[in-house]
């Protein structure tokens, strides 16, 4: 796991997080996550020091989401 506070990088994998808020003025940009909100239970799996620091990339968010959903019997 990459510990990273760069707002343009995913704090989990270190790749570009594609956050539109970090590449344009906040009043003009949007982030992909506005249309794909995170599962709060999935976000709780992040280490506390990585929360609210930078957007996750879509791949890491999906992975956290998938790992949070309980397996069906």
N, C-alpha and C. Protein backbone atom coordinates (compact mmCIF):
# COMPACT_ATOMS: atom_id res chain seq x y z
N UNK A 1 0.84 -1.17 0.00
CA UNK A 1 0.00 0.00 0.00
C UNK A 1 0.88 1.24 0.00
N UNK A 2 0.51 2.19 -0.81
CA UNK A 2 1.27 3.43 -0.92
C UNK A 2 0.65 4.47 -0.01
N UNK A 3 1.43 5.02 0.90
CA UNK A 3 0.96 6.13 1.72
C UNK A 3 1.28 7.40 0.96
N UNK A 4 0.24 8.10 0.56
CA UNK A 4 0.42 9.17 -0.40
C UNK A 4 -0.60 10.27 -0.13
N UNK A 5 -0.16 11.52 -0.01
CA UNK A 5 -1.07 12.63 0.22
C UNK A 5 -1.21 13.50 -1.02
N UNK A 6 -0.73 13.05 -2.17
CA UNK A 6 -0.86 13.79 -3.42
C UNK A 6 -2.32 13.74 -3.86
N UNK A 7 -2.96 14.89 -4.00
CA UNK A 7 -4.39 14.93 -4.31
C UNK A 7 -4.73 14.42 -5.70
N UNK A 8 -3.74 14.25 -6.58
CA UNK A 8 -3.98 13.74 -7.92
C UNK A 8 -3.68 12.25 -8.04
N UNK A 9 -3.32 11.62 -6.93
CA UNK A 9 -2.98 10.20 -6.93
C UNK A 9 -3.87 9.44 -5.96
N UNK A 10 -4.23 8.24 -6.33
CA UNK A 10 -5.00 7.37 -5.46
C UNK A 10 -4.13 7.02 -4.24
N UNK A 11 -4.66 7.20 -3.04
CA UNK A 11 -3.85 6.90 -1.86
C UNK A 11 -3.56 5.42 -1.67
N UNK A 12 -4.27 4.54 -2.37
CA UNK A 12 -4.02 3.11 -2.24
C UNK A 12 -3.00 2.59 -3.24
N UNK A 13 -3.18 2.91 -4.53
CA UNK A 13 -2.29 2.33 -5.54
C UNK A 13 -1.26 3.33 -6.08
N UNK A 14 -1.48 4.62 -5.88
CA UNK A 14 -0.53 5.62 -6.34
C UNK A 14 -0.75 6.05 -7.78
N UNK A 15 -1.71 5.46 -8.48
CA UNK A 15 -2.00 5.86 -9.86
C UNK A 15 -2.84 7.13 -9.88
N UNK A 16 -2.93 7.75 -11.05
CA UNK A 16 -3.76 8.93 -11.24
C UNK A 16 -5.19 8.59 -10.83
N UNK A 17 -5.81 9.43 -9.99
CA UNK A 17 -7.16 9.14 -9.53
C UNK A 17 -8.25 9.76 -10.40
N UNK A 18 -7.85 10.51 -11.43
CA UNK A 18 -8.79 11.12 -12.38
C UNK A 18 -9.76 12.09 -11.72
N UNK A 19 -9.35 12.71 -10.63
CA UNK A 19 -10.21 13.67 -9.93
C UNK A 19 -10.20 14.99 -10.68
N UNK A 20 -11.34 15.39 -11.19
CA UNK A 20 -11.46 16.65 -11.93
C UNK A 20 -11.28 17.87 -11.05
N UNK A 21 -11.46 17.73 -9.74
CA UNK A 21 -11.30 18.87 -8.85
C UNK A 21 -9.84 19.27 -8.67
N UNK A 22 -8.93 18.37 -8.94
CA UNK A 22 -7.51 18.69 -8.75
C UNK A 22 -6.86 19.22 -10.02
N UNK A 23 -7.56 19.12 -11.16
CA UNK A 23 -6.96 19.54 -12.41
C UNK A 23 -7.58 20.80 -13.00
N UNK A 24 -8.64 21.31 -12.37
CA UNK A 24 -9.25 22.55 -12.82
C UNK A 24 -9.77 23.29 -11.60
N UNK A 25 -10.12 24.57 -11.76
CA UNK A 25 -10.66 25.28 -10.59
C UNK A 25 -11.87 24.54 -10.03
N UNK A 26 -11.97 24.41 -8.70
CA UNK A 26 -13.06 23.64 -8.11
C UNK A 26 -14.45 24.06 -8.58
N UNK A 27 -14.63 25.30 -8.91
CA UNK A 27 -15.95 25.73 -9.35
C UNK A 27 -16.27 25.24 -10.76
N UNK A 28 -15.24 24.80 -11.50
CA UNK A 28 -15.45 24.35 -12.88
C UNK A 28 -15.30 22.84 -13.04
N UNK A 29 -14.53 22.21 -12.20
CA UNK A 29 -14.27 20.79 -12.33
C UNK A 29 -15.24 19.94 -11.54
N UNK A 30 -15.34 18.70 -11.95
CA UNK A 30 -16.11 17.73 -11.19
C UNK A 30 -15.29 16.45 -11.13
N UNK A 31 -15.61 15.65 -10.16
CA UNK A 31 -14.91 14.37 -10.01
C UNK A 31 -15.84 13.26 -10.44
N UNK A 32 -15.29 12.22 -11.00
CA UNK A 32 -16.07 11.06 -11.41
C UNK A 32 -16.86 10.48 -10.24
N UNK A 33 -16.35 10.67 -9.02
CA UNK A 33 -17.00 10.07 -7.86
C UNK A 33 -18.33 10.74 -7.52
N UNK A 34 -18.60 11.93 -8.09
CA UNK A 34 -19.89 12.57 -7.84
C UNK A 34 -21.03 11.72 -8.39
N UNK A 35 -20.77 11.00 -9.46
CA UNK A 35 -21.80 10.16 -10.05
C UNK A 35 -21.68 8.70 -9.62
N UNK A 36 -20.68 8.41 -8.83
CA UNK A 36 -20.47 7.03 -8.35
C UNK A 36 -20.01 7.08 -6.90
N UNK A 37 -20.94 7.38 -6.00
CA UNK A 37 -20.55 7.54 -4.60
C UNK A 37 -20.01 6.25 -3.99
N UNK A 38 -19.17 6.42 -3.02
CA UNK A 38 -18.53 5.29 -2.36
C UNK A 38 -19.43 4.69 -1.30
N UNK A 39 -19.32 3.40 -1.15
CA UNK A 39 -20.00 2.69 -0.09
C UNK A 39 -19.32 3.08 1.23
N UNK A 40 -20.06 3.65 2.19
CA UNK A 40 -19.43 4.06 3.45
C UNK A 40 -18.72 2.92 4.17
N UNK A 41 -19.25 1.71 4.08
CA UNK A 41 -18.59 0.56 4.71
C UNK A 41 -17.25 0.26 4.05
N UNK A 42 -17.19 0.46 2.74
CA UNK A 42 -15.93 0.24 2.03
C UNK A 42 -14.90 1.27 2.45
N UNK A 43 -15.32 2.53 2.58
CA UNK A 43 -14.37 3.58 2.96
C UNK A 43 -13.83 3.37 4.38
N UNK A 44 -14.60 2.73 5.23
CA UNK A 44 -14.13 2.45 6.60
C UNK A 44 -12.95 1.48 6.59
N UNK A 45 -12.76 0.76 5.48
CA UNK A 45 -11.65 -0.19 5.38
C UNK A 45 -10.32 0.52 5.10
N UNK A 46 -10.38 1.80 4.73
CA UNK A 46 -9.15 2.56 4.49
C UNK A 46 -8.48 2.87 5.82
N UNK A 47 -7.15 2.86 5.86
CA UNK A 47 -6.47 3.30 7.08
C UNK A 47 -6.87 4.74 7.39
N UNK A 48 -7.04 5.06 8.66
CA UNK A 48 -7.51 6.38 9.07
C UNK A 48 -6.67 7.52 8.49
N UNK A 49 -5.36 7.32 8.37
CA UNK A 49 -4.50 8.39 7.87
C UNK A 49 -4.65 8.63 6.37
N UNK A 50 -5.36 7.75 5.65
CA UNK A 50 -5.58 7.95 4.22
C UNK A 50 -6.97 8.50 3.91
N UNK A 51 -7.86 8.50 4.89
CA UNK A 51 -9.22 8.97 4.65
C UNK A 51 -9.25 10.48 4.47
N UNK A 52 -10.08 10.91 3.53
CA UNK A 52 -10.30 12.34 3.27
C UNK A 52 -9.04 13.09 2.84
N UNK A 53 -8.08 12.39 2.27
CA UNK A 53 -6.85 13.01 1.79
C UNK A 53 -6.86 13.22 0.29
N UNK A 54 -7.39 12.26 -0.44
CA UNK A 54 -7.43 12.30 -1.90
C UNK A 54 -8.45 11.27 -2.37
N UNK A 55 -8.95 11.47 -3.57
CA UNK A 55 -9.89 10.51 -4.15
C UNK A 55 -9.17 9.19 -4.45
N UNK A 56 -9.91 8.12 -4.28
CA UNK A 56 -9.43 6.84 -4.77
C UNK A 56 -9.62 6.81 -6.27
N UNK A 57 -8.87 5.98 -6.95
CA UNK A 57 -9.11 5.79 -8.38
C UNK A 57 -10.33 4.88 -8.53
N UNK A 58 -10.99 4.90 -9.67
CA UNK A 58 -12.18 4.05 -9.85
C UNK A 58 -11.91 2.57 -9.59
N UNK A 59 -10.74 2.08 -9.98
CA UNK A 59 -10.43 0.66 -9.78
C UNK A 59 -10.34 0.30 -8.30
N UNK A 60 -9.64 1.11 -7.52
CA UNK A 60 -9.50 0.82 -6.09
C UNK A 60 -10.84 0.96 -5.37
N UNK A 61 -11.64 1.95 -5.76
CA UNK A 61 -12.95 2.10 -5.14
C UNK A 61 -13.80 0.87 -5.42
N UNK A 62 -13.78 0.38 -6.65
CA UNK A 62 -14.55 -0.82 -6.99
C UNK A 62 -14.05 -2.03 -6.21
N UNK A 63 -12.73 -2.15 -6.09
CA UNK A 63 -12.16 -3.28 -5.35
C UNK A 63 -12.59 -3.23 -3.88
N UNK A 64 -12.53 -2.05 -3.26
CA UNK A 64 -12.97 -1.94 -1.88
C UNK A 64 -14.45 -2.30 -1.76
N UNK A 65 -15.24 -1.80 -2.69
CA UNK A 65 -16.67 -2.09 -2.69
C UNK A 65 -16.91 -3.60 -2.81
N UNK A 66 -16.24 -4.24 -3.75
CA UNK A 66 -16.43 -5.67 -3.96
C UNK A 66 -16.01 -6.49 -2.74
N UNK A 67 -14.96 -6.07 -2.06
CA UNK A 67 -14.49 -6.79 -0.89
C UNK A 67 -15.39 -6.58 0.32
N UNK A 68 -16.21 -5.54 0.30
CA UNK A 68 -17.09 -5.22 1.42
C UNK A 68 -18.41 -5.97 1.34
N UNK A 69 -18.83 -6.33 0.12
CA UNK A 69 -20.09 -7.04 -0.05
C UNK A 69 -19.92 -8.47 0.44
N UNK A 70 -20.77 -8.89 1.38
CA UNK A 70 -20.66 -10.27 1.88
C UNK A 70 -20.99 -11.26 0.76
N UNK A 71 -20.30 -12.38 0.79
CA UNK A 71 -20.55 -13.43 -0.20
C UNK A 71 -21.90 -14.08 0.08
N UNK A 72 -22.61 -14.34 -0.97
CA UNK A 72 -23.90 -15.02 -0.82
C UNK A 72 -23.65 -16.49 -0.48
N UNK A 73 -24.52 -17.09 0.36
CA UNK A 73 -24.32 -18.50 0.74
C UNK A 73 -24.44 -19.45 -0.43
